[in-house]
Structure formats: structure tokens, C-alpha cells
C-alpha atoms as a PDB file:
ATOM      1  CA  MET A   1      73.867 135.019  77.794  1.00  0.00           C
ATOM      2  CA  THR A   2      72.390 138.476  77.493  1.00  0.00           C
ATOM      3  CA  PRO A   3      71.094 140.943  80.096  1.00  0.00           C
ATOM      4  CA  ALA A   4      67.581 139.699  79.337  1.00  0.00           C
ATOM      5  CA  ASP A   5      68.620 136.214  80.530  1.00  0.00           C
ATOM      6  CA  LEU A   6      69.821 137.400  83.944  1.00  0.00           C
ATOM      7  CA  PRO A   7      66.565 136.798  85.889  1.00  0.00           C
ATOM      8  CA  ALA A   8      66.485 133.135  84.777  1.00  0.00           C
ATOM      9  CA  VAL A   9      70.221 132.696  85.408  1.00  0.00           C
ATOM     10  CA  LEU A  10      69.981 134.262  88.866  1.00  0.00           C
ATOM     11  CA  ALA A  11      67.042 132.015  89.783  1.00  0.00           C
ATOM     12  CA  VAL A  12      69.096 128.915  88.911  1.00  0.00           C
ATOM     13  CA  GLU A  13      72.212 130.318  90.597  1.00  0.00           C
ATOM     14  CA  GLN A  14      70.330 130.994  93.837  1.00  0.00           C
ATOM     15  CA  ALA A  15      68.667 127.568  93.790  1.00  0.00           C
ATOM     16  CA  ALA A  16      71.987 125.790  93.226  1.00  0.00           C
ATOM     17  CA  TYR A  17      74.437 127.508  95.590  1.00  0.00           C
ATOM     18  CA  SER A  18      74.789 128.668  99.174  1.00  0.00           C
ATOM     19  CA  HIS A  19      76.950 131.588  97.926  1.00  0.00           C
ATOM     20  CA  PRO A  20      75.537 132.403  94.466  1.00  0.00           C
ATOM     21  CA  TRP A  21      76.916 134.866  91.986  1.00  0.00           C
ATOM     22  CA  THR A  22      75.170 138.232  92.055  1.00  0.00           C
ATOM     23  CA  THR A  23      73.663 140.230  89.222  1.00  0.00           C
ATOM     24  CA  ARG A  24      76.827 142.359  89.286  1.00  0.00           C
ATOM     25  CA  ASN A  25      79.092 139.278  89.060  1.00  0.00           C
ATOM     26  CA  LEU A  26      77.223 138.124  85.962  1.00  0.00           C
ATOM     27  CA  GLN A  27      77.147 141.578  84.386  1.00  0.00           C
ATOM     28  CA  ASP A  28      80.888 141.978  84.971  1.00  0.00           C
ATOM     29  CA  ALA A  29      81.572 138.538  83.456  1.00  0.00           C
ATOM     30  CA  MET A  30      79.582 139.402  80.344  1.00  0.00           C
ATOM     31  CA  GLY A  31      81.104 142.885  80.102  1.00  0.00           C
ATOM     32  CA  ALA A  32      84.639 141.473  80.290  1.00  0.00           C
ATOM     33  CA  GLY A  33      84.135 139.537  77.063  1.00  0.00           C
ATOM     34  CA  ASN A  34      83.979 136.112  78.674  1.00  0.00           C
ATOM     35  CA  LEU A  35      82.001 133.329  77.063  1.00  0.00           C
ATOM     36  CA  ALA A  36      78.680 133.057  78.886  1.00  0.00           C
ATOM     37  CA  GLN A  37      76.753 130.166  77.337  1.00  0.00           C
ATOM     38  CA  LEU A  38      73.239 129.002  78.196  1.00  0.00           C
ATOM     39  CA  LEU A  39      71.747 125.525  77.834  1.00  0.00           C
ATOM     40  CA  TRP A  40      67.967 125.437  77.425  1.00  0.00           C
ATOM     41  CA  ALA A  41      65.576 122.500  77.746  1.00  0.00           C
ATOM     42  CA  GLY A  42      62.625 123.903  75.852  1.00  0.00           C
ATOM     43  CA  GLU A  43      61.552 127.003  77.765  1.00  0.00           C
ATOM     44  CA  VAL A  44      63.484 126.024  80.919  1.00  0.00           C
ATOM     45  CA  LEU A  45      67.029 127.171  81.622  1.00  0.00           C
ATOM     46  CA  ALA A  46      68.820 123.883  82.222  1.00  0.00           C
ATOM     47  CA  GLY A  47      72.279 125.310  82.862  1.00  0.00           C
ATOM     48  CA  TYR A  48      75.029 127.694  81.889  1.00  0.00           C
ATOM     49  CA  PHE A  49      78.733 128.280  82.081  1.00  0.00           C
ATOM     50  CA  VAL A  50      81.020 131.295  82.123  1.00  0.00           C
ATOM     51  CA  ALA A  51      84.610 130.967  80.926  1.00  0.00           C
ATOM     52  CA  MET A  52      87.475 133.392  80.428  1.00  0.00           C
ATOM     53  CA  PRO A  53      90.126 132.981  77.739  1.00  0.00           C
ATOM     54  CA  GLY A  54      93.743 133.353  78.847  1.00  0.00           C
ATOM     55  CA  VAL A  55      97.123 133.047  77.152  1.00  0.00           C
ATOM     56  CA  ASP A  56      97.172 129.279  76.530  1.00  0.00           C
ATOM     57  CA  GLU A  57      94.094 128.288  78.461  1.00  0.00           C
ATOM     58  CA  VAL A  58      90.444 128.850  79.165  1.00  0.00           C
ATOM     59  CA  HIS A  59      89.487 129.349  82.802  1.00  0.00           C
ATOM     60  CA  LEU A  60      86.061 128.002  83.758  1.00  0.00           C
ATOM     61  CA  LEU A  61      84.614 130.542  86.183  1.00  0.00           C
ATOM     62  CA  ASN A  62      81.158 129.068  86.738  1.00  0.00           C
ATOM     63  CA  ILE A  63      79.243 126.044  85.524  1.00  0.00           C
ATOM     64  CA  THR A  64      75.776 125.347  86.871  1.00  0.00           C
ATOM     65  CA  VAL A  65      73.007 122.866  86.145  1.00  0.00           C
ATOM     66  CA  ALA A  66      69.531 123.646  87.474  1.00  0.00           C
ATOM     67  CA  PRO A  67      69.027 121.452  90.566  1.00  0.00           C
ATOM     68  CA  ALA A  68      65.900 119.773  89.148  1.00  0.00           C
ATOM     69  CA  LEU A  69      67.862 118.709  86.030  1.00  0.00           C
ATOM     70  CA  GLN A  70      71.074 117.480  87.647  1.00  0.00           C
ATOM     71  CA  ARG A  71      72.402 113.930  87.152  1.00  0.00           C
ATOM     72  CA  ARG A  72      71.345 113.827  83.481  1.00  0.00           C
ATOM     73  CA  GLY A  73      74.709 114.452  81.837  1.00  0.00           C
ATOM     74  CA  LEU A  74      74.144 118.170  81.229  1.00  0.00           C
ATOM     75  CA  ALA A  75      77.371 119.222  82.956  1.00  0.00           C
ATOM     76  CA  GLN A  76      79.311 116.816  80.718  1.00  0.00           C
ATOM     77  CA  LEU A  77      77.586 118.302  77.667  1.00  0.00           C
ATOM     78  CA  MET A  78      78.528 121.827  78.717  1.00  0.00           C
ATOM     79  CA  LEU A  79      82.118 120.749  79.418  1.00  0.00           C
ATOM     80  CA  GLN A  80      82.269 119.327  75.884  1.00  0.00           C
ATOM     81  CA  MET A  81      80.954 122.638  74.528  1.00  0.00           C
ATOM     82  CA  LEU A  82      83.577 124.487  76.540  1.00  0.00           C
ATOM     83  CA  GLY A  83      86.344 122.223  75.215  1.00  0.00           C
ATOM     84  CA  LEU A  84      85.267 122.844  71.622  1.00  0.00           C
ATOM     85  CA  TRP A  85      85.264 126.593  72.196  1.00  0.00           C
ATOM     86  CA  ALA A  86      88.723 126.427  73.772  1.00  0.00           C
ATOM     87  CA  LEU A  87      90.091 124.425  70.836  1.00  0.00           C
ATOM     88  CA  HIS A  88      88.513 126.904  68.411  1.00  0.00           C
ATOM     89  CA  LEU A  89      90.530 129.622  70.178  1.00  0.00           C
ATOM     90  CA  ASP A  90      93.656 127.430  70.039  1.00  0.00           C
ATOM     91  CA  LYS A  91      93.714 127.143  73.837  1.00  0.00           C
ATOM     92  CA  PRO A  92      94.875 123.615  74.753  1.00  0.00           C
ATOM     93  CA  TRP A  93      94.108 123.793  78.500  1.00  0.00           C
ATOM     94  CA  VAL A  94      91.041 124.313  80.680  1.00  0.00           C
ATOM     95  CA  TRP A  95      91.489 125.312  84.329  1.00  0.00           C
ATOM     96  CA  LEU A  96      88.979 125.610  87.151  1.00  0.00           C
ATOM     97  CA  GLU A  97      88.549 125.816  90.901  1.00  0.00           C
ATOM     98  CA  VAL A  98      85.952 123.799  92.800  1.00  0.00           C
ATOM     99  CA  ARG A  99      85.001 123.788  96.465  1.00  0.00           C
ATOM    100  CA  ARG A 100      86.809 121.033  98.350  1.00  0.00           C
ATOM    101  CA  SER A 101      83.435 119.967  99.790  1.00  0.00           C
ATOM    102  CA  ASN A 102      81.767 119.632  96.373  1.00  0.00           C
ATOM    103  CA  ALA A 103      82.437 115.924  95.858  1.00  0.00           C
ATOM    104  CA  ARG A 104      79.767 115.587  93.147  1.00  0.00           C
ATOM    105  CA  ALA A 105      81.324 118.314  91.008  1.00  0.00           C
ATOM    106  CA  ILE A 106      84.825 116.955  91.532  1.00  0.00           C
ATOM    107  CA  ALA A 107      83.594 113.531  90.362  1.00  0.00           C
ATOM    108  CA  VAL A 108      82.024 115.095  87.244  1.00  0.00           C
ATOM    109  CA  TYR A 109      85.262 116.888  86.404  1.00  0.00           C
ATOM    110  CA  GLU A 110      87.347 113.765  86.976  1.00  0.00           C
ATOM    111  CA  ARG A 111      85.027 111.709  84.731  1.00  0.00           C
ATOM    112  CA  HIS A 112      85.574 114.360  82.063  1.00  0.00           C
ATOM    113  CA  GLY A 113      89.360 113.981  82.396  1.00  0.00           C
ATOM    114  CA  PHE A 114      90.285 116.848  84.714  1.00  0.00           C
ATOM    115  CA  LYS A 115      93.177 116.258  87.120  1.00  0.00           C
ATOM    116  CA  GLN A 116      93.679 117.823  90.539  1.00  0.00           C
ATOM    117  CA  VAL A 117      96.832 119.956  90.467  1.00  0.00           C
ATOM    118  CA  GLY A 118      96.669 122.171  93.535  1.00  0.00           C
ATOM    119  CA  VAL A 119      94.777 123.844  96.349  1.00  0.00           C
ATOM    120  CA  ARG A 120      93.859 127.489  96.910  1.00  0.00           C
ATOM    121  CA  LYS A 121      93.562 127.970 100.681  1.00  0.00           C
ATOM    122  CA  GLY A 122      90.521 129.934 101.853  1.00  0.00           C
ATOM    123  CA  TYR A 123      89.412 130.671  98.280  1.00  0.00           C
ATOM    124  CA  TYR A 124      85.625 130.481  98.721  1.00  0.00           C
ATOM    125  CA  PRO A 125      83.328 132.147 101.252  1.00  0.00           C
ATOM    126  CA  ALA A 126      81.632 129.641 103.546  1.00  0.00           C
ATOM    127  CA  ALA A 127      79.044 129.670 106.319  1.00  0.00           C
ATOM    128  CA  SER A 128      79.461 131.919 109.370  1.00  0.00           C
ATOM    129  CA  GLY A 129      82.165 134.069 107.780  1.00  0.00           C
ATOM    130  CA  GLN A 130      84.501 131.113 107.328  1.00  0.00           C
ATOM    131  CA  ARG A 131      86.474 130.316 104.154  1.00  0.00           C
ATOM    132  CA  GLU A 132      86.737 127.061 102.203  1.00  0.00           C
ATOM    133  CA  ASP A 133      89.655 125.741 100.166  1.00  0.00           C
ATOM    134  CA  ALA A 134      89.385 125.281  96.416  1.00  0.00           C
ATOM    135  CA  ILE A 135      90.752 122.322  94.532  1.00  0.00           C
ATOM    136  CA  VAL A 136      92.497 123.510  91.350  1.00  0.00           C
ATOM    137  CA  MET A 137      91.913 121.204  88.387  1.00  0.00           C
ATOM    138  CA  THR A 138      93.090 121.217  84.796  1.00  0.00           C
ATOM    139  CA  LEU A 139      92.327 119.406  81.564  1.00  0.00           C
ATOM    140  CA  ALA A 140      94.688 119.071  78.601  1.00  0.00           C
ATOM    141  CA  LEU A 141      92.577 119.149  75.453  1.00  0.00           C
ATOM    142  CA  PRO A 142      93.414 116.873  72.545  1.00  0.00           C
ATOM    143  CA  ALA A 143      95.121 118.465  69.582  1.00  0.00           C
ATOM    144  CA  PRO A 144      92.708 119.034  66.693  1.00  0.00           C
ATOM    145  CA  ARG A 145      92.954 116.466  63.933  1.00  0.00           C
ATOM    146  CA  GLN A 146      94.673 117.660  60.806  1.00  0.00           C
ATOM    147  CA  GLU A 147      92.958 116.845  57.525  1.00  0.00           C
ATOM    148  CA  PRO A 148      95.226 115.101  55.024  1.00  0.00           C
ATOM    149  CA  ALA A 149      96.516 117.394  52.302  1.00  0.00           C
END
């Protein structure tokens, strides 16, 4: 993701979420050295993810599929890409938070192997100034195969 991609990313973000990331959120994520990866379907932005490397893990900050292209396996593809990047960095864990109400996303993560490990109370902004809990999920990545000597 580059600054030139921000208008397309923001359009998808605003179409997908009730509380979308802002231009500043995206700029800060890119400026912090996080991985911000786009997935294109021809000339159309199909999706993207933003992830932050940590000590022994990668933290998935945002993953979004354009609403018109959802339910086609694109989130799974991006999660596979994220896992490969994490393994390349020798980070054996991926962590994320997801809105408790986002049953579709939770199901996608569970199909990919993520496990629910906790709750963050009042983590997300919600309608009418309320807050919504986040489900904390993690995925242990398989150890890379060693080539025989």
C-alpha cells in the first residue's frame, strides 16, 4: 500500500464498516513500518490487510474484503499471505481482535485455524457512543519445513 492507494482503500473501508479507519489511521499504519498489503482483481481493489510485527508474533490490525467481492475466499487468501509473511520473519504466532458481533469474520478466522483466547471489554466504538467487546484470537503457525542436508 502506498499513499497513492489511499483513495481506493478508503472507499472500500467506508463501504465495509460502520466505524472505518480514517486516512490518518492508514497513514500512521504505513508510517510505522507495518505490512500493508493490497489484493487486486484486475483494476478493482478486492481487499487489503495491515499487520504489525511484534516480538514473537504478527498482530493483524485490519483485514478487509470489498463488500461486492466477499464470500469468494479472498479473506482466506490474504490470511495465507499474512501467515507466509509472519513465517518469513520467524514469527510463529498471529494475533487479532474482532468485534464480538462479527460472526462472519469469526467464522472465517476459525476456518483458518484461529482460536478464541480472550475478550477485550469495550474495545471497539459502536453506535450511539456505546462500546463493543472484541474477541481476541490467535493462530499458531506451522514450523517451516527443513530441507534435508
